[in-house]
Each structure stands twice: as C-alpha cells, then as structure tokens.
Amino acid sequence: MSILLEDLTAVIALGAACWMLRATFVLLVPADRLPAVVAEALQHLAPAALASIIAVELTSAVDISNPASTVQALGIVAAAATVALLTRSMTWTVLAGIVGVLFVDLTPLG
C-alpha cells in the first residue's frame, strides 16, 4: 500500500509541478510580450512533459512475461488518451490516469 501512495504522490506532485511551471511563466511574462513562436511552443510544454513521464513508466510496466500487467498498463494509457482527445484538458487527462491506476491497484482484478 505504501508503494501505491508513493506512486500517487509522485503523479500528483509532477502534475502540480507542470501546472505551476506553466502558470508561473504565464503570470511573470505577459503573453503579449512573447514572440508568437514561443507562445505557440509553450502550448506543447505540459503535454510533452507528461508524455515523457508516461513513456518512462510504460517501459517499466510493459513486460512480455506478464501479459495481464501489460494489458492493464496499455489500457490505462488508452483511457487517458481518449479523455485527452475528447476534453483537450490536462487536468482531466491526469485525473483519468490516476483513476485508472487506482482502479487497477485497488480492485481484485489488478
């Protein structure tokens, strides 16, 4: 159970850090002072950071010798990706991932 709480804490902390970095940058530097290229690139910063975290976690979660774990991990990513496509919201995407991980970890199926 402590591993679950550590993982959940890490996910929440990283999500909060990404959001705070983006919000702080927006609050300190007004968007009208940024070059258009930089402003457009900043739109992709948080999703890129989240994608890199997911890629690292998936390489450790996907295991050919344990197909059930692999299907669960890929299912959570697919569910979060679906939420991301439908809502275009980082908050809902991260929450979908957290709910998926909690479901797998706390149900007898997981």
C-alpha atoms as a PDB file:
ATOM      1  CA  MET A   1       0.000   0.000   0.000  1.00  0.00           C
ATOM      2  CA  SER A   2       2.904   2.384   0.686  1.00  0.00           C
ATOM      3  CA  ILE A   3       4.151   1.905  -2.887  1.00  0.00           C
ATOM      4  CA  LEU A   4       0.708   2.939  -4.149  1.00  0.00           C
ATOM      5  CA  LEU A   5       0.777   6.089  -2.038  1.00  0.00           C
ATOM      6  CA  GLU A   6       4.315   6.896  -3.174  1.00  0.00           C
ATOM      7  CA  ASP A   7       3.304   6.480  -6.829  1.00  0.00           C
ATOM      8  CA  LEU A   8       0.150   8.517  -6.375  1.00  0.00           C
ATOM      9  CA  THR A   9       2.085  11.239  -4.568  1.00  0.00           C
ATOM     10  CA  ALA A  10       4.653  11.321  -7.377  1.00  0.00           C
ATOM     11  CA  VAL A  11       1.978  11.599 -10.076  1.00  0.00           C
ATOM     12  CA  ILE A  12       0.161  14.368  -8.246  1.00  0.00           C
ATOM     13  CA  ALA A  13       3.395  16.227  -7.479  1.00  0.00           C
ATOM     14  CA  LEU A  14       4.593  16.034 -11.079  1.00  0.00           C
ATOM     15  CA  GLY A  15       1.226  17.160 -12.400  1.00  0.00           C
ATOM     16  CA  ALA A  16       1.197  20.074  -9.959  1.00  0.00           C
ATOM     17  CA  ALA A  17       4.783  20.985 -10.860  1.00  0.00           C
ATOM     18  CA  CYS A  18       3.950  21.041 -14.577  1.00  0.00           C
ATOM     19  CA  TRP A  19       0.898  23.179 -13.944  1.00  0.00           C
ATOM     20  CA  MET A  20       2.745  25.552 -11.594  1.00  0.00           C
ATOM     21  CA  LEU A  21       5.629  25.973 -14.040  1.00  0.00           C
ATOM     22  CA  ARG A  22       3.217  26.863 -16.809  1.00  0.00           C
ATOM     23  CA  ALA A  23       1.109  29.153 -14.618  1.00  0.00           C
ATOM     24  CA  THR A  24       4.150  30.902 -13.144  1.00  0.00           C
ATOM     25  CA  PHE A  25       5.635  31.562 -16.550  1.00  0.00           C
ATOM     26  CA  VAL A  26       2.330  32.972 -17.778  1.00  0.00           C
ATOM     27  CA  LEU A  27       1.960  35.171 -14.694  1.00  0.00           C
ATOM     28  CA  LEU A  28       5.535  36.506 -14.773  1.00  0.00           C
ATOM     29  CA  VAL A  29       5.813  37.115 -18.506  1.00  0.00           C
ATOM     30  CA  PRO A  30       2.711  38.516 -20.207  1.00  0.00           C
ATOM     31  CA  ALA A  31       1.768  36.659 -23.369  1.00  0.00           C
ATOM     32  CA  ASP A  32       1.719  39.825 -25.442  1.00  0.00           C
ATOM     33  CA  ARG A  33       5.480  40.278 -24.865  1.00  0.00           C
ATOM     34  CA  LEU A  34       6.380  36.807 -26.104  1.00  0.00           C
ATOM     35  CA  PRO A  35       7.240  36.137 -29.722  1.00  0.00           C
ATOM     36  CA  ALA A  36       4.458  34.197 -31.454  1.00  0.00           C
ATOM     37  CA  VAL A  37       6.702  31.160 -31.948  1.00  0.00           C
ATOM     38  CA  VAL A  38       7.496  30.968 -28.227  1.00  0.00           C
ATOM     39  CA  ALA A  39       3.868  31.409 -27.204  1.00  0.00           C
ATOM     40  CA  GLU A  40       2.828  28.609 -29.537  1.00  0.00           C
ATOM     41  CA  ALA A  41       5.623  26.327 -28.326  1.00  0.00           C
ATOM     42  CA  LEU A  42       4.558  26.824 -24.699  1.00  0.00           C
ATOM     43  CA  GLN A  43       1.201  25.261 -25.522  1.00  0.00           C
ATOM     44  CA  HIS A  44       3.042  21.981 -26.067  1.00  0.00           C
ATOM     45  CA  LEU A  45       5.251  22.087 -22.967  1.00  0.00           C
ATOM     46  CA  ALA A  46       2.961  20.384 -20.444  1.00  0.00           C
ATOM     47  CA  PRO A  47       1.775  17.619 -22.810  1.00  0.00           C
ATOM     48  CA  ALA A  48       5.387  16.926 -23.805  1.00  0.00           C
ATOM     49  CA  ALA A  49       6.468  16.653 -20.166  1.00  0.00           C
ATOM     50  CA  LEU A  50       3.556  14.343 -19.391  1.00  0.00           C
ATOM     51  CA  ALA A  51       4.317  12.199 -22.443  1.00  0.00           C
ATOM     52  CA  SER A  52       7.940  11.773 -21.371  1.00  0.00           C
ATOM     53  CA  ILE A  53       6.868  10.675 -17.885  1.00  0.00           C
ATOM     54  CA  ILE A  54       4.390   8.197 -19.373  1.00  0.00           C
ATOM     55  CA  ALA A  55       6.991   6.803 -21.770  1.00  0.00           C
ATOM     56  CA  VAL A  56       9.430   6.126 -18.936  1.00  0.00           C
ATOM     57  CA  GLU A  57       6.758   4.483 -16.797  1.00  0.00           C
ATOM     58  CA  LEU A  58       5.465   2.344 -19.658  1.00  0.00           C
ATOM     59  CA  THR A  59       8.888   0.902 -20.392  1.00  0.00           C
ATOM     60  CA  SER A  60       8.982  -0.457 -16.843  1.00  0.00           C
ATOM     61  CA  ALA A  61       5.304  -1.529 -16.776  1.00  0.00           C
ATOM     62  CA  VAL A  62       5.171  -3.400 -20.085  1.00  0.00           C
ATOM     63  CA  ASP A  63       6.508  -6.907 -19.547  1.00  0.00           C
ATOM     64  CA  ILE A  64       6.208  -9.681 -22.116  1.00  0.00           C
ATOM     65  CA  SER A  65       6.292 -12.340 -19.398  1.00  0.00           C
ATOM     66  CA  ASN A  66       3.242 -10.768 -17.694  1.00  0.00           C
ATOM     67  CA  PRO A  67       0.612 -10.060 -20.360  1.00  0.00           C
ATOM     68  CA  ALA A  68      -2.089  -9.103 -17.823  1.00  0.00           C
ATOM     69  CA  SER A  69       0.050  -6.278 -16.447  1.00  0.00           C
ATOM     70  CA  THR A  70       0.884  -5.135 -19.966  1.00  0.00           C
ATOM     71  CA  VAL A  71      -2.782  -5.029 -20.989  1.00  0.00           C
ATOM     72  CA  GLN A  72      -3.684  -3.105 -17.837  1.00  0.00           C
ATOM     73  CA  ALA A  73      -0.929  -0.526 -18.362  1.00  0.00           C
ATOM     74  CA  LEU A  74      -1.783  -0.031 -22.025  1.00  0.00           C
ATOM     75  CA  GLY A  75      -5.495   0.145 -21.168  1.00  0.00           C
ATOM     76  CA  ILE A  76      -4.890   2.963 -18.686  1.00  0.00           C
ATOM     77  CA  VAL A  77      -2.859   4.869 -21.268  1.00  0.00           C
ATOM     78  CA  ALA A  78      -5.571   4.313 -23.899  1.00  0.00           C
ATOM     79  CA  ALA A  79      -8.262   5.551 -21.496  1.00  0.00           C
ATOM     80  CA  ALA A  80      -6.245   8.657 -20.610  1.00  0.00           C
ATOM     81  CA  ALA A  81      -5.521   9.299 -24.304  1.00  0.00           C
ATOM     82  CA  THR A  82      -9.234   9.048 -25.079  1.00  0.00           C
ATOM     83  CA  VAL A  83     -10.028  11.551 -22.329  1.00  0.00           C
ATOM     84  CA  ALA A  84      -7.285  13.841 -23.675  1.00  0.00           C
ATOM     85  CA  LEU A  85      -8.703  13.713 -27.189  1.00  0.00           C
ATOM     86  CA  LEU A  86     -12.270  14.309 -26.052  1.00  0.00           C
ATOM     87  CA  THR A  87     -11.653  17.062 -23.484  1.00  0.00           C
ATOM     88  CA  ARG A  88      -8.341  18.652 -24.562  1.00  0.00           C
ATOM     89  CA  SER A  89      -7.711  19.182 -20.843  1.00  0.00           C
ATOM     90  CA  MET A  90      -4.527  18.241 -18.993  1.00  0.00           C
ATOM     91  CA  THR A  91      -6.434  18.144 -15.715  1.00  0.00           C
ATOM     92  CA  TRP A  92      -8.995  15.599 -16.906  1.00  0.00           C
ATOM     93  CA  THR A  93      -6.283  13.554 -18.643  1.00  0.00           C
ATOM     94  CA  VAL A  94      -4.166  13.307 -15.489  1.00  0.00           C
ATOM     95  CA  LEU A  95      -7.241  12.502 -13.406  1.00  0.00           C
ATOM     96  CA  ALA A  96      -8.228   9.742 -15.844  1.00  0.00           C
ATOM     97  CA  GLY A  97      -4.772   8.232 -15.489  1.00  0.00           C
ATOM     98  CA  ILE A  98      -4.902   8.428 -11.695  1.00  0.00           C
ATOM     99  CA  VAL A  99      -8.352   6.832 -11.597  1.00  0.00           C
ATOM    100  CA  GLY A 100      -7.146   4.054 -13.911  1.00  0.00           C
ATOM    101  CA  VAL A 101      -4.104   3.330 -11.760  1.00  0.00           C
ATOM    102  CA  LEU A 102      -6.187   3.351  -8.588  1.00  0.00           C
ATOM    103  CA  PHE A 103      -8.742   1.013 -10.168  1.00  0.00           C
ATOM    104  CA  VAL A 104      -6.062  -1.490 -11.181  1.00  0.00           C
ATOM    105  CA  ASP A 105      -4.260  -1.289  -7.837  1.00  0.00           C
ATOM    106  CA  LEU A 106      -7.311  -1.417  -5.570  1.00  0.00           C
ATOM    107  CA  THR A 107      -9.537  -3.981  -7.277  1.00  0.00           C
ATOM    108  CA  PRO A 108      -9.092  -7.745  -7.037  1.00  0.00           C
ATOM    109  CA  LEU A 109      -8.659  -7.835 -10.828  1.00  0.00           C
ATOM    110  CA  GLY A 110      -5.381  -5.862 -10.585  1.00  0.00           C
END
